[in-house]
Structures are given as C-alpha cells and as structure tokens.
Full PDB file with SEQRES, HELIX, SHEET, SSBOND, CRYST1, ORIGX, SCALE, CONECT and MASTER records, all heavy atoms in Angstrom:
SEQRES   1 A   41  LYS TYR GLY LYS VAL PHE HIS ARG SER THR PRO LYS GLN          
SEQRES   2 A   41  ILE GLU HIS TRP ALA THR ILE GLY LYS ILE ALA GLU GLU          
SEQRES   3 A   41  ASN PRO ASP LEU PRO LEU ASN PHE VAL LYS ASP ILE ILE          
SEQRES   4 A   41  ILE GLY                                                      
HELIX    1 AA1 TYR A    2  VAL A    5  1                                   4    
HELIX    2 AA2 THR A   10  GLU A   26  1                                  17    
HELIX    3 AA3 LEU A   32  ILE A   40  1                                   9    
CRYST1    1.000    1.000    1.000  90.00  90.00  90.00 P 1           1          
ORIGX1      1.000000  0.000000  0.000000        0.00000                         
ORIGX2      0.000000  1.000000  0.000000        0.00000                         
ORIGX3      0.000000  0.000000  1.000000        0.00000                         
SCALE1      1.000000  0.000000  0.000000        0.00000                         
SCALE2      0.000000  1.000000  0.000000        0.00000                         
SCALE3      0.000000  0.000000  1.000000        0.00000                         
ATOM      1  N   LYS A   1      -4.234 118.219  63.219  1.00  0.00           N  
ATOM      2  CA  LYS A   1      -3.010 117.841  62.432  1.00  0.00           C  
ATOM      3  C   LYS A   1      -2.366 116.734  63.321  1.00  0.00           C  
ATOM      4  O   LYS A   1      -2.049 115.630  62.736  1.00  0.00           O  
ATOM      5  CB  LYS A   1      -2.131 118.910  62.314  1.00  0.00           C  
ATOM      6  CG  LYS A   1      -0.773 118.723  61.766  1.00  0.00           C  
ATOM      7  CD  LYS A   1       0.030 119.952  61.635  1.00  0.00           C  
ATOM      8  CE  LYS A   1       0.083 120.832  62.831  1.00  0.00           C  
ATOM      9  NZ  LYS A   1       0.954 122.096  62.672  1.00  0.00           N  
ATOM     10  N   TYR A   2      -2.220 116.916  64.655  1.00  0.00           N  
ATOM     11  CA  TYR A   2      -1.500 115.905  65.436  1.00  0.00           C  
ATOM     12  C   TYR A   2      -2.457 114.613  65.541  1.00  0.00           C  
ATOM     13  O   TYR A   2      -1.976 113.541  65.603  1.00  0.00           O  
ATOM     14  CB  TYR A   2      -1.293 116.397  66.879  1.00  0.00           C  
ATOM     15  CG  TYR A   2      -0.047 117.349  66.885  1.00  0.00           C  
ATOM     16  CD1 TYR A   2      -0.117 118.622  66.587  1.00  0.00           C  
ATOM     17  CD2 TYR A   2       1.167 116.733  67.325  1.00  0.00           C  
ATOM     18  CE1 TYR A   2       1.021 119.423  66.597  1.00  0.00           C  
ATOM     19  CE2 TYR A   2       2.253 117.509  67.296  1.00  0.00           C  
ATOM     20  CZ  TYR A   2       2.226 118.871  67.032  1.00  0.00           C  
ATOM     21  OH  TYR A   2       3.403 119.681  67.106  1.00  0.00           O  
ATOM     22  N   GLY A   3      -3.653 114.757  65.576  1.00  0.00           N  
ATOM     23  CA  GLY A   3      -4.600 113.667  65.625  1.00  0.00           C  
ATOM     24  C   GLY A   3      -4.413 112.712  64.438  1.00  0.00           C  
ATOM     25  O   GLY A   3      -4.340 111.491  64.549  1.00  0.00           O  
ATOM     26  N   LYS A   4      -4.309 113.404  63.272  1.00  0.00           N  
ATOM     27  CA  LYS A   4      -4.044 112.552  62.056  1.00  0.00           C  
ATOM     28  C   LYS A   4      -2.820 111.842  62.055  1.00  0.00           C  
ATOM     29  O   LYS A   4      -2.690 110.753  61.656  1.00  0.00           O  
ATOM     30  CB  LYS A   4      -4.107 113.536  60.715  1.00  0.00           C  
ATOM     31  CG  LYS A   4      -5.500 113.957  60.429  1.00  0.00           C  
ATOM     32  CD  LYS A   4      -5.562 114.834  59.269  1.00  0.00           C  
ATOM     33  CE  LYS A   4      -7.055 115.265  58.968  1.00  0.00           C  
ATOM     34  NZ  LYS A   4      -7.091 116.063  57.805  1.00  0.00           N  
ATOM     35  N   VAL A   5      -1.720 112.497  62.510  1.00  0.00           N  
ATOM     36  CA  VAL A   5      -0.359 111.932  62.534  1.00  0.00           C  
ATOM     37  C   VAL A   5      -0.413 110.765  63.480  1.00  0.00           C  
ATOM     38  O   VAL A   5       0.261 109.782  63.193  1.00  0.00           O  
ATOM     39  CB  VAL A   5       0.625 112.938  63.071  1.00  0.00           C  
ATOM     40  CG1 VAL A   5       1.974 112.299  63.341  1.00  0.00           C  
ATOM     41  CG2 VAL A   5       0.934 114.121  62.046  1.00  0.00           C  
ATOM     42  N   PHE A   6      -1.027 110.845  64.623  1.00  0.00           N  
ATOM     43  CA  PHE A   6      -1.040 109.799  65.632  1.00  0.00           C  
ATOM     44  C   PHE A   6      -2.241 108.919  65.668  1.00  0.00           C  
ATOM     45  O   PHE A   6      -2.581 108.124  66.474  1.00  0.00           O  
ATOM     46  CB  PHE A   6      -0.792 110.301  67.085  1.00  0.00           C  
ATOM     47  CG  PHE A   6       0.494 111.044  67.215  1.00  0.00           C  
ATOM     48  CD1 PHE A   6       0.665 112.347  67.275  1.00  0.00           C  
ATOM     49  CD2 PHE A   6       1.662 110.286  67.304  1.00  0.00           C  
ATOM     50  CE1 PHE A   6       1.913 112.944  67.381  1.00  0.00           C  
ATOM     51  CE2 PHE A   6       2.946 110.834  67.567  1.00  0.00           C  
ATOM     52  CZ  PHE A   6       3.092 112.169  67.547  1.00  0.00           C  
ATOM     53  N   HIS A   7      -3.086 109.026  64.590  1.00  0.00           N  
ATOM     54  CA  HIS A   7      -4.276 108.181  64.246  1.00  0.00           C  
ATOM     55  C   HIS A   7      -5.257 108.267  65.376  1.00  0.00           C  
ATOM     56  O   HIS A   7      -5.705 107.301  65.985  1.00  0.00           O  
ATOM     57  CB  HIS A   7      -3.750 106.703  64.061  1.00  0.00           C  
ATOM     58  CG  HIS A   7      -2.812 106.609  63.010  1.00  0.00           C  
ATOM     59  ND1 HIS A   7      -3.147 106.660  61.601  1.00  0.00           N  
ATOM     60  CD2 HIS A   7      -1.361 106.363  63.032  1.00  0.00           C  
ATOM     61  CE1 HIS A   7      -2.027 106.562  60.918  1.00  0.00           C  
ATOM     62  NE2 HIS A   7      -1.027 106.269  61.703  1.00  0.00           N  
ATOM     63  N   ARG A   8      -5.487 109.517  65.773  1.00  0.00           N  
ATOM     64  CA  ARG A   8      -6.488 109.819  66.878  1.00  0.00           C  
ATOM     65  C   ARG A   8      -7.559 110.764  66.265  1.00  0.00           C  
ATOM     66  O   ARG A   8      -7.176 111.629  65.461  1.00  0.00           O  
ATOM     67  CB  ARG A   8      -5.905 110.479  68.130  1.00  0.00           C  
ATOM     68  CG  ARG A   8      -4.843 109.661  68.905  1.00  0.00           C  
ATOM     69  CD  ARG A   8      -4.331 110.430  70.028  1.00  0.00           C  
ATOM     70  NE  ARG A   8      -3.280 109.713  70.706  1.00  0.00           N  
ATOM     71  CZ  ARG A   8      -2.006 110.276  70.721  1.00  0.00           C  
ATOM     72  NH1 ARG A   8      -1.600 111.354  70.178  1.00  0.00           N  
ATOM     73  NH2 ARG A   8      -1.027 109.474  71.370  1.00  0.00           N  
ATOM     74  N   SER A   9      -8.652 110.645  66.767  1.00  0.00           N  
ATOM     75  CA  SER A   9      -9.754 111.572  66.401  1.00  0.00           C  
ATOM     76  C   SER A   9      -9.278 112.918  67.008  1.00  0.00           C  
ATOM     77  O   SER A   9      -8.542 112.997  68.062  1.00  0.00           O  
ATOM     78  CB  SER A   9     -11.136 111.232  66.814  1.00  0.00           C  
ATOM     79  OG  SER A   9     -11.187 111.191  68.240  1.00  0.00           O  
ATOM     80  N   THR A  10      -9.845 114.090  66.548  1.00  0.00           N  
ATOM     81  CA  THR A  10      -9.614 115.263  67.187  1.00  0.00           C  
ATOM     82  C   THR A  10      -9.921 115.374  68.706  1.00  0.00           C  
ATOM     83  O   THR A  10      -9.098 115.742  69.546  1.00  0.00           O  
ATOM     84  CB  THR A  10     -10.323 116.553  66.374  1.00  0.00           C  
ATOM     85  OG1 THR A  10      -9.850 116.370  65.028  1.00  0.00           O  
ATOM     86  CG2 THR A  10      -9.982 117.787  66.966  1.00  0.00           C  
ATOM     87  N   PRO A  11     -11.146 114.801  69.053  1.00  0.00           N  
ATOM     88  CA  PRO A  11     -11.458 114.891  70.518  1.00  0.00           C  
ATOM     89  C   PRO A  11     -10.552 113.972  71.359  1.00  0.00           C  
ATOM     90  O   PRO A  11     -10.172 114.248  72.389  1.00  0.00           O  
ATOM     91  CB  PRO A  11     -12.840 114.283  70.534  1.00  0.00           C  
ATOM     92  CG  PRO A  11     -13.397 114.538  69.221  1.00  0.00           C  
ATOM     93  CD  PRO A  11     -12.341 114.541  68.238  1.00  0.00           C  
ATOM     94  N   LYS A  12     -10.019 112.823  70.707  1.00  0.00           N  
ATOM     95  CA  LYS A  12      -9.151 111.993  71.486  1.00  0.00           C  
ATOM     96  C   LYS A  12      -7.778 112.674  71.554  1.00  0.00           C  
ATOM     97  O   LYS A  12      -7.079 112.479  72.558  1.00  0.00           O  
ATOM     98  CB  LYS A  12      -9.015 110.634  70.765  1.00  0.00           C  
ATOM     99  CG  LYS A  12     -10.206 109.730  70.904  1.00  0.00           C  
ATOM    100  CD  LYS A  12     -10.308 109.295  72.410  1.00  0.00           C  
ATOM    101  CE  LYS A  12     -11.473 108.340  72.624  1.00  0.00           C  
ATOM    102  NZ  LYS A  12     -11.627 108.026  74.034  1.00  0.00           N  
ATOM    103  N   GLN A  13      -7.382 113.367  70.591  1.00  0.00           N  
ATOM    104  CA  GLN A  13      -6.078 114.040  70.677  1.00  0.00           C  
ATOM    105  C   GLN A  13      -6.058 115.170  71.813  1.00  0.00           C  
ATOM    106  O   GLN A  13      -5.178 115.363  72.579  1.00  0.00           O  
ATOM    107  CB  GLN A  13      -5.721 114.781  69.311  1.00  0.00           C  
ATOM    108  CG  GLN A  13      -4.404 115.659  69.388  1.00  0.00           C  
ATOM    109  CD  GLN A  13      -3.236 114.613  69.555  1.00  0.00           C  
ATOM    110  OE1 GLN A  13      -3.194 113.521  69.037  1.00  0.00           O  
ATOM    111  NE2 GLN A  13      -2.225 115.064  70.314  1.00  0.00           N  
ATOM    112  N   ILE A  14      -7.226 115.878  71.843  1.00  0.00           N  
ATOM    113  CA  ILE A  14      -7.385 116.903  72.953  1.00  0.00           C  
ATOM    114  C   ILE A  14      -7.453 116.308  74.224  1.00  0.00           C  
ATOM    115  O   ILE A  14      -6.778 116.688  75.270  1.00  0.00           O  
ATOM    116  CB  ILE A  14      -8.665 117.715  72.649  1.00  0.00           C  
ATOM    117  CG1 ILE A  14      -8.511 118.631  71.326  1.00  0.00           C  
ATOM    118  CG2 ILE A  14      -8.996 118.664  73.860  1.00  0.00           C  
ATOM    119  CD1 ILE A  14      -9.756 119.241  70.825  1.00  0.00           C  
ATOM    120  N   GLU A  15      -8.041 115.136  74.314  1.00  0.00           N  
ATOM    121  CA  GLU A  15      -8.192 114.309  75.665  1.00  0.00           C  
ATOM    122  C   GLU A  15      -6.757 113.866  76.026  1.00  0.00           C  
ATOM    123  O   GLU A  15      -6.367 113.965  77.129  1.00  0.00           O  
ATOM    124  CB  GLU A  15      -9.072 113.148  75.447  1.00  0.00           C  
ATOM    125  CG  GLU A  15      -9.243 112.296  76.665  1.00  0.00           C  
ATOM    126  CD  GLU A  15     -10.086 111.096  76.461  1.00  0.00           C  
ATOM    127  OE1 GLU A  15     -11.012 111.147  75.645  1.00  0.00           O  
ATOM    128  OE2 GLU A  15      -9.802 110.063  77.164  1.00  0.00           O  
ATOM    129  N   HIS A  16      -5.975 113.387  75.017  1.00  0.00           N  
ATOM    130  CA  HIS A  16      -4.554 113.033  75.283  1.00  0.00           C  
ATOM    131  C   HIS A  16      -3.813 114.127  75.862  1.00  0.00           C  
ATOM    132  O   HIS A  16      -3.007 113.971  76.842  1.00  0.00           O  
ATOM    133  CB  HIS A  16      -3.922 112.393  73.947  1.00  0.00           C  
ATOM    134  CG  HIS A  16      -2.564 112.176  73.935  1.00  0.00           C  
ATOM    135  ND1 HIS A  16      -2.056 111.005  74.692  1.00  0.00           N  
ATOM    136  CD2 HIS A  16      -1.395 112.739  73.560  1.00  0.00           C  
ATOM    137  CE1 HIS A  16      -0.737 110.966  74.701  1.00  0.00           C  
ATOM    138  NE2 HIS A  16      -0.322 111.974  73.909  1.00  0.00           N  
ATOM    139  N   TRP A  17      -3.831 115.296  75.138  1.00  0.00           N  
ATOM    140  CA  TRP A  17      -3.118 116.470  75.741  1.00  0.00           C  
ATOM    141  C   TRP A  17      -3.597 116.889  77.104  1.00  0.00           C  
ATOM    142  O   TRP A  17      -2.852 117.253  77.943  1.00  0.00           O  
ATOM    143  CB  TRP A  17      -3.309 117.628  74.785  1.00  0.00           C  
ATOM    144  CG  TRP A  17      -2.427 117.569  73.520  1.00  0.00           C  
ATOM    145  CD1 TRP A  17      -1.402 116.823  73.383  1.00  0.00           C  
ATOM    146  CD2 TRP A  17      -2.663 118.265  72.309  1.00  0.00           C  
ATOM    147  NE1 TRP A  17      -0.887 117.061  72.088  1.00  0.00           N  
ATOM    148  CE2 TRP A  17      -1.660 117.859  71.416  1.00  0.00           C  
ATOM    149  CE3 TRP A  17      -3.591 119.112  71.845  1.00  0.00           C  
ATOM    150  CZ2 TRP A  17      -1.481 118.398  70.087  1.00  0.00           C  
ATOM    151  CZ3 TRP A  17      -3.570 119.561  70.564  1.00  0.00           C  
ATOM    152  CH2 TRP A  17      -2.503 119.277  69.700  1.00  0.00           C  
ATOM    153  N   ALA A  18      -4.849 116.816  77.434  1.00  0.00           N  
ATOM    154  CA  ALA A  18      -5.363 117.192  78.722  1.00  0.00           C  
ATOM    155  C   ALA A  18      -4.730 116.126  79.759  1.00  0.00           C  
ATOM    156  O   ALA A  18      -4.486 116.556  80.843  1.00  0.00           O  
ATOM    157  CB  ALA A  18      -6.877 117.060  78.654  1.00  0.00           C  
ATOM    158  N   THR A  19      -4.745 114.890  79.385  1.00  0.00           N  
ATOM    159  CA  THR A  19      -4.189 113.853  80.314  1.00  0.00           C  
ATOM    160  C   THR A  19      -2.746 114.234  80.674  1.00  0.00           C  
ATOM    161  O   THR A  19      -2.312 114.218  81.800  1.00  0.00           O  
ATOM    162  CB  THR A  19      -4.298 112.460  79.694  1.00  0.00           C  
ATOM    163  OG1 THR A  19      -5.626 112.114  79.473  1.00  0.00           O  
ATOM    164  CG2 THR A  19      -3.712 111.473  80.612  1.00  0.00           C  
ATOM    165  N   ILE A  20      -1.955 114.578  79.531  1.00  0.00           N  
ATOM    166  CA  ILE A  20      -0.573 114.777  79.897  1.00  0.00           C  
ATOM    167  C   ILE A  20      -0.458 116.120  80.699  1.00  0.00           C  
ATOM    168  O   ILE A  20       0.317 116.239  81.590  1.00  0.00           O  
ATOM    169  CB  ILE A  20       0.240 115.087  78.490  1.00  0.00           C  
ATOM    170  CG1 ILE A  20       0.381 113.768  77.696  1.00  0.00           C  
ATOM    171  CG2 ILE A  20       1.522 115.712  78.698  1.00  0.00           C  
ATOM    172  CD1 ILE A  20       0.894 113.896  76.318  1.00  0.00           C  
ATOM    173  N   GLY A  21      -1.265 117.038  80.375  1.00  0.00           N  
ATOM    174  CA  GLY A  21      -1.214 118.287  81.166  1.00  0.00           C  
ATOM    175  C   GLY A  21      -1.679 118.108  82.637  1.00  0.00           C  
ATOM    176  O   GLY A  21      -0.952 118.623  83.484  1.00  0.00           O  
ATOM    177  N   LYS A  22      -2.612 117.303  82.848  1.00  0.00           N  
ATOM    178  CA  LYS A  22      -3.012 116.973  84.271  1.00  0.00           C  
ATOM    179  C   LYS A  22      -1.897 116.236  85.036  1.00  0.00           C  
ATOM    180  O   LYS A  22      -1.647 116.607  86.147  1.00  0.00           O  
ATOM    181  CB  LYS A  22      -4.309 116.141  84.264  1.00  0.00           C  
ATOM    182  CG  LYS A  22      -4.863 115.801  85.602  1.00  0.00           C  
ATOM    183  CD  LYS A  22      -6.129 115.091  85.440  1.00  0.00           C  
ATOM    184  CE  LYS A  22      -6.836 114.791  86.877  1.00  0.00           C  
ATOM    185  NZ  LYS A  22      -6.101 113.809  87.590  1.00  0.00           N  
ATOM    186  N   ILE A  23      -1.246 115.210  84.394  1.00  0.00           N  
ATOM    187  CA  ILE A  23      -0.222 114.526  85.042  1.00  0.00           C  
ATOM    188  C   ILE A  23       0.968 115.396  85.303  1.00  0.00           C  
ATOM    189  O   ILE A  23       1.621 115.366  86.399  1.00  0.00           O  
ATOM    190  CB  ILE A  23       0.145 113.239  84.196  1.00  0.00           C  
ATOM    191  CG1 ILE A  23      -0.972 112.292  84.105  1.00  0.00           C  
ATOM    192  CG2 ILE A  23       1.474 112.612  84.813  1.00  0.00           C  
ATOM    193  CD1 ILE A  23      -0.724 111.100  83.239  1.00  0.00           C  
ATOM    194  N   ALA A  24       1.250 116.325  84.408  1.00  0.00           N  
ATOM    195  CA  ALA A  24       2.477 117.202  84.432  1.00  0.00           C  
ATOM    196  C   ALA A  24       2.232 118.259  85.642  1.00  0.00           C  
ATOM    197  O   ALA A  24       3.153 118.540  86.399  1.00  0.00           O  
ATOM    198  CB  ALA A  24       2.685 117.967  83.191  1.00  0.00           C  
ATOM    199  N   GLU A  25       0.969 118.698  85.729  1.00  0.00           N  
ATOM    200  CA  GLU A  25       0.655 119.674  86.819  1.00  0.00           C  
ATOM    201  C   GLU A  25       0.730 118.963  88.177  1.00  0.00           C  
ATOM    202  O   GLU A  25       1.203 119.591  89.106  1.00  0.00           O  
ATOM    203  CB  GLU A  25      -0.691 120.347  86.625  1.00  0.00           C  
ATOM    204  CG  GLU A  25      -0.748 121.366  85.669  1.00  0.00           C  
ATOM    205  CD  GLU A  25      -2.105 122.201  85.570  1.00  0.00           C  
ATOM    206  OE1 GLU A  25      -3.023 121.617  86.244  1.00  0.00           O  
ATOM    207  OE2 GLU A  25      -2.105 123.094  84.906  1.00  0.00           O  
ATOM    208  N   GLU A  26       0.299 117.778  88.236  1.00  0.00           N  
ATOM    209  CA  GLU A  26       0.276 116.998  89.534  1.00  0.00           C  
ATOM    210  C   GLU A  26       1.578 116.525  89.915  1.00  0.00           C  
ATOM    211  O   GLU A  26       1.837 116.252  91.067  1.00  0.00           O  
ATOM    212  CB  GLU A  26      -0.682 115.854  89.355  1.00  0.00           C  
ATOM    213  CG  GLU A  26      -2.160 116.237  89.318  1.00  0.00           C  
ATOM    214  CD  GLU A  26      -3.138 115.095  89.098  1.00  0.00           C  
ATOM    215  OE1 GLU A  26      -2.674 113.938  88.823  1.00  0.00           O  
ATOM    216  OE2 GLU A  26      -4.324 115.260  89.225  1.00  0.00           O  
ATOM    217  N   ASN A  27       2.506 116.451  88.943  1.00  0.00           N  
ATOM    218  CA  ASN A  27       3.918 115.934  89.224  1.00  0.00           C  
ATOM    219  C   ASN A  27       4.858 116.808  88.476  1.00  0.00           C  
ATOM    220  O   ASN A  27       5.585 116.377  87.510  1.00  0.00           O  
ATOM    221  CB  ASN A  27       3.957 114.459  88.576  1.00  0.00           C  
ATOM    222  CG  ASN A  27       2.985 113.480  89.211  1.00  0.00           C  
ATOM    223  OD1 ASN A  27       3.235 113.051  90.308  1.00  0.00           O  
ATOM    224  ND2 ASN A  27       1.887 113.321  88.580  1.00  0.00           N  
ATOM    225  N   PRO A  28       5.065 118.011  88.962  1.00  0.00           N  
ATOM    226  CA  PRO A  28       6.002 118.981  88.284  1.00  0.00           C  
ATOM    227  C   PRO A  28       7.445 118.548  88.147  1.00  0.00           C  
ATOM    228  O   PRO A  28       8.165 119.113  87.307  1.00  0.00           O  
ATOM    229  CB  PRO A  28       5.829 120.265  89.134  1.00  0.00           C  
ATOM    230  CG  PRO A  28       5.330 119.823  90.478  1.00  0.00           C  
ATOM    231  CD  PRO A  28       4.508 118.610  90.191  1.00  0.00           C  
ATOM    232  N   ASP A  29       7.809 117.679  89.066  1.00  0.00           N  
ATOM    233  CA  ASP A  29       9.325 117.273  89.011  1.00  0.00           C  
ATOM    234  C   ASP A  29       9.557 116.157  87.902  1.00  0.00           C  
ATOM    235  O   ASP A  29      10.697 115.764  87.664  1.00  0.00           O  
ATOM    236  CB  ASP A  29       9.715 116.687  90.297  1.00  0.00           C  
ATOM    237  CG  ASP A  29       9.659 117.803  91.409  1.00  0.00           C  
ATOM    238  OD1 ASP A  29       9.807 119.031  91.047  1.00  0.00           O  
ATOM    239  OD2 ASP A  29       9.475 117.498  92.553  1.00  0.00           O  
ATOM    240  N   LEU A  30       8.534 115.587  87.262  1.00  0.00           N  
ATOM    241  CA  LEU A  30       8.793 114.552  86.275  1.00  0.00           C  
ATOM    242  C   LEU A  30       8.990 115.236  84.984  1.00  0.00           C  
ATOM    243  O   LEU A  30       8.165 116.132  84.499  1.00  0.00           O  
ATOM    244  CB  LEU A  30       7.486 113.653  86.192  1.00  0.00           C  
ATOM    245  CG  LEU A  30       7.132 112.824  87.411  1.00  0.00           C  
ATOM    246  CD1 LEU A  30       5.849 112.043  87.114  1.00  0.00           C  
ATOM    247  CD2 LEU A  30       8.249 111.916  87.843  1.00  0.00           C  
ATOM    248  N   PRO A  31       9.861 114.685  84.187  1.00  0.00           N  
ATOM    249  CA  PRO A  31      10.189 115.151  82.811  1.00  0.00           C  
ATOM    250  C   PRO A  31       8.964 114.773  81.904  1.00  0.00           C  
ATOM    251  O   PRO A  31       8.375 113.704  82.110  1.00  0.00           O  
ATOM    252  CB  PRO A  31      11.407 114.498  82.348  1.00  0.00           C  
ATOM    253  CG  PRO A  31      12.053 113.884  83.610  1.00  0.00           C  
ATOM    254  CD  PRO A  31      11.001 113.747  84.558  1.00  0.00           C  
ATOM    255  N   LEU A  32       8.721 115.581  80.823  1.00  0.00           N  
ATOM    256  CA  LEU A  32       7.622 115.255  79.884  1.00  0.00           C  
ATOM    257  C   LEU A  32       7.713 113.884  79.319  1.00  0.00           C  
ATOM    258  O   LEU A  32       6.736 113.205  79.264  1.00  0.00           O  
ATOM    259  CB  LEU A  32       7.612 116.394  78.884  1.00  0.00           C  
ATOM    260  CG  LEU A  32       6.525 116.176  77.836  1.00  0.00           C  
ATOM    261  CD1 LEU A  32       5.037 116.189  78.449  1.00  0.00           C  
ATOM    262  CD2 LEU A  32       6.553 117.402  76.812  1.00  0.00           C  
ATOM    263  N   ASN A  33       8.877 113.540  78.870  1.00  0.00           N  
ATOM    264  CA  ASN A  33       9.086 112.254  78.276  1.00  0.00           C  
ATOM    265  C   ASN A  33       8.754 111.054  79.214  1.00  0.00           C  
ATOM    266  O   ASN A  33       8.168 110.103  78.760  1.00  0.00           O  
ATOM    267  CB  ASN A  33      10.502 112.057  77.727  1.00  0.00           C  
ATOM    268  CG  ASN A  33      10.722 112.777  76.408  1.00  0.00           C  
ATOM    269  OD1 ASN A  33       9.730 113.082  75.731  1.00  0.00           O  
ATOM    270  ND2 ASN A  33      11.931 113.145  76.081  1.00  0.00           N  
ATOM    271  N   PHE A  34       9.023 111.312  80.491  1.00  0.00           N  
ATOM    272  CA  PHE A  34       8.625 110.283  81.453  1.00  0.00           C  
ATOM    273  C   PHE A  34       7.191 110.131  81.616  1.00  0.00           C  
ATOM    274  O   PHE A  34       6.544 109.024  81.724  1.00  0.00           O  
ATOM    275  CB  PHE A  34       9.318 110.535  82.870  1.00  0.00           C  
ATOM    276  CG  PHE A  34       9.102 109.509  83.862  1.00  0.00           C  
ATOM    277  CD1 PHE A  34       9.905 108.379  83.863  1.00  0.00           C  
ATOM    278  CD2 PHE A  34       8.169 109.598  84.854  1.00  0.00           C  
ATOM    279  CE1 PHE A  34       9.767 107.429  84.710  1.00  0.00           C  
ATOM    280  CE2 PHE A  34       8.026 108.675  85.822  1.00  0.00           C  
ATOM    281  CZ  PHE A  34       8.867 107.545  85.761  1.00  0.00           C  
ATOM    282  N   VAL A  35       6.445 111.248  81.635  1.00  0.00           N  
ATOM    283  CA  VAL A  35       5.081 111.358  81.649  1.00  0.00           C  
ATOM    284  C   VAL A  35       4.438 110.641  80.391  1.00  0.00           C  
ATOM    285  O   VAL A  35       3.522 109.774  80.580  1.00  0.00           O  
ATOM    286  CB  VAL A  35       4.523 112.738  81.788  1.00  0.00           C  
ATOM    287  CG1 VAL A  35       2.939 112.798  81.579  1.00  0.00           C  
ATOM    288  CG2 VAL A  35       4.905 113.448  83.020  1.00  0.00           C  
ATOM    289  N   LYS A  36       4.959 110.892  79.228  1.00  0.00           N  
ATOM    290  CA  LYS A  36       4.464 110.256  78.060  1.00  0.00           C  
ATOM    291  C   LYS A  36       4.744 108.826  78.011  1.00  0.00           C  
ATOM    292  O   LYS A  36       3.851 107.939  77.727  1.00  0.00           O  
ATOM    293  CB  LYS A  36       5.233 110.777  76.747  1.00  0.00           C  
ATOM    294  CG  LYS A  36       4.732 112.229  76.425  1.00  0.00           C  
ATOM    295  CD  LYS A  36       5.500 112.670  75.173  1.00  0.00           C  
ATOM    296  CE  LYS A  36       5.111 114.098  74.838  1.00  0.00           C  
ATOM    297  NZ  LYS A  36       5.916 114.507  73.628  1.00  0.00           N  
ATOM    298  N   ASP A  37       5.863 108.278  78.602  1.00  0.00           N  
ATOM    299  CA  ASP A  37       6.195 106.913  78.689  1.00  0.00           C  
ATOM    300  C   ASP A  37       5.168 106.217  79.729  1.00  0.00           C  
ATOM    301  O   ASP A  37       4.794 105.068  79.406  1.00  0.00           O  
ATOM    302  CB  ASP A  37       7.668 106.654  79.202  1.00  0.00           C  
ATOM    303  CG  ASP A  37       8.597 106.953  78.046  1.00  0.00           C  
ATOM    304  OD1 ASP A  37       8.279 107.015  76.855  1.00  0.00           O  
ATOM    305  OD2 ASP A  37       9.831 107.074  78.457  1.00  0.00           O  
ATOM    306  N   ILE A  38       4.840 106.851  80.754  1.00  0.00           N  
ATOM    307  CA  ILE A  38       3.856 106.282  81.655  1.00  0.00           C  
ATOM    308  C   ILE A  38       2.512 106.145  80.956  1.00  0.00           C  
ATOM    309  O   ILE A  38       1.821 105.005  81.106  1.00  0.00           O  
ATOM    310  CB  ILE A  38       3.606 107.234  82.862  1.00  0.00           C  
ATOM    311  CG1 ILE A  38       4.878 107.252  83.790  1.00  0.00           C  
ATOM    312  CG2 ILE A  38       2.387 106.823  83.690  1.00  0.00           C  
ATOM    313  CD1 ILE A  38       4.871 108.254  84.878  1.00  0.00           C  
ATOM    314  N   ILE A  39       2.031 107.053  80.198  1.00  0.00           N  
ATOM    315  CA  ILE A  39       0.754 106.933  79.430  1.00  0.00           C  
ATOM    316  C   ILE A  39       0.860 105.818  78.466  1.00  0.00           C  
ATOM    317  O   ILE A  39      -0.085 105.063  78.362  1.00  0.00           O  
ATOM    318  CB  ILE A  39       0.542 108.314  78.772  1.00  0.00           C  
ATOM    319  CG1 ILE A  39       0.141 109.286  79.841  1.00  0.00           C  
ATOM    320  CG2 ILE A  39      -0.795 108.108  77.853  1.00  0.00           C  
ATOM    321  CD1 ILE A  39       0.028 110.720  79.259  1.00  0.00           C  
ATOM    322  N   ILE A  40       1.919 105.726  77.784  1.00  0.00           N  
ATOM    323  CA  ILE A  40       2.181 104.588  76.745  1.00  0.00           C  
ATOM    324  C   ILE A  40       2.160 103.224  77.604  1.00  0.00           C  
ATOM    325  O   ILE A  40       1.434 102.299  77.149  1.00  0.00           O  
ATOM    326  CB  ILE A  40       3.419 104.777  75.980  1.00  0.00           C  
ATOM    327  CG1 ILE A  40       3.298 106.010  75.001  1.00  0.00           C  
ATOM    328  CG2 ILE A  40       3.783 103.518  75.269  1.00  0.00           C  
ATOM    329  CD1 ILE A  40       4.627 106.409  74.462  1.00  0.00           C  
ATOM    330  N   GLY A  41       2.831 103.151  78.682  1.00  0.00           N  
ATOM    331  CA  GLY A  41       2.838 101.895  79.410  1.00  0.00           C  
ATOM    332  C   GLY A  41       1.456 101.517  79.857  1.00  0.00           C  
ATOM    333  O   GLY A  41       1.043 100.298  79.816  1.00  0.00           O  
TER     334      GLY A  41                                                      
MASTER        0    0    0    3    0    0    0    6  333    1    0    4          
END                                                                             
C-alpha cells in the first residue's frame, strides 16, 4: 500500500523503512521527521 502511494516497488518500500529504522536506532535523539528529511536530502 505505501509503496503504491510513494511510487516505490514493495521491496524498495521495505528497504526505505529499513533505512529509516537503522538511522533511528543509530541516532535515538533525532526526531523521525529529521531522519526523513536527511534521507530526502
């Protein structure tokens, strides 16, 4: 569902979530929106 909304394949959507999760775990003090903005940048 999310992959379709954001124009990603299902594997790419899962990879995107894994990337966010990895960054969030490595940087627990960063807000989620900041992590997302970093990925977009």
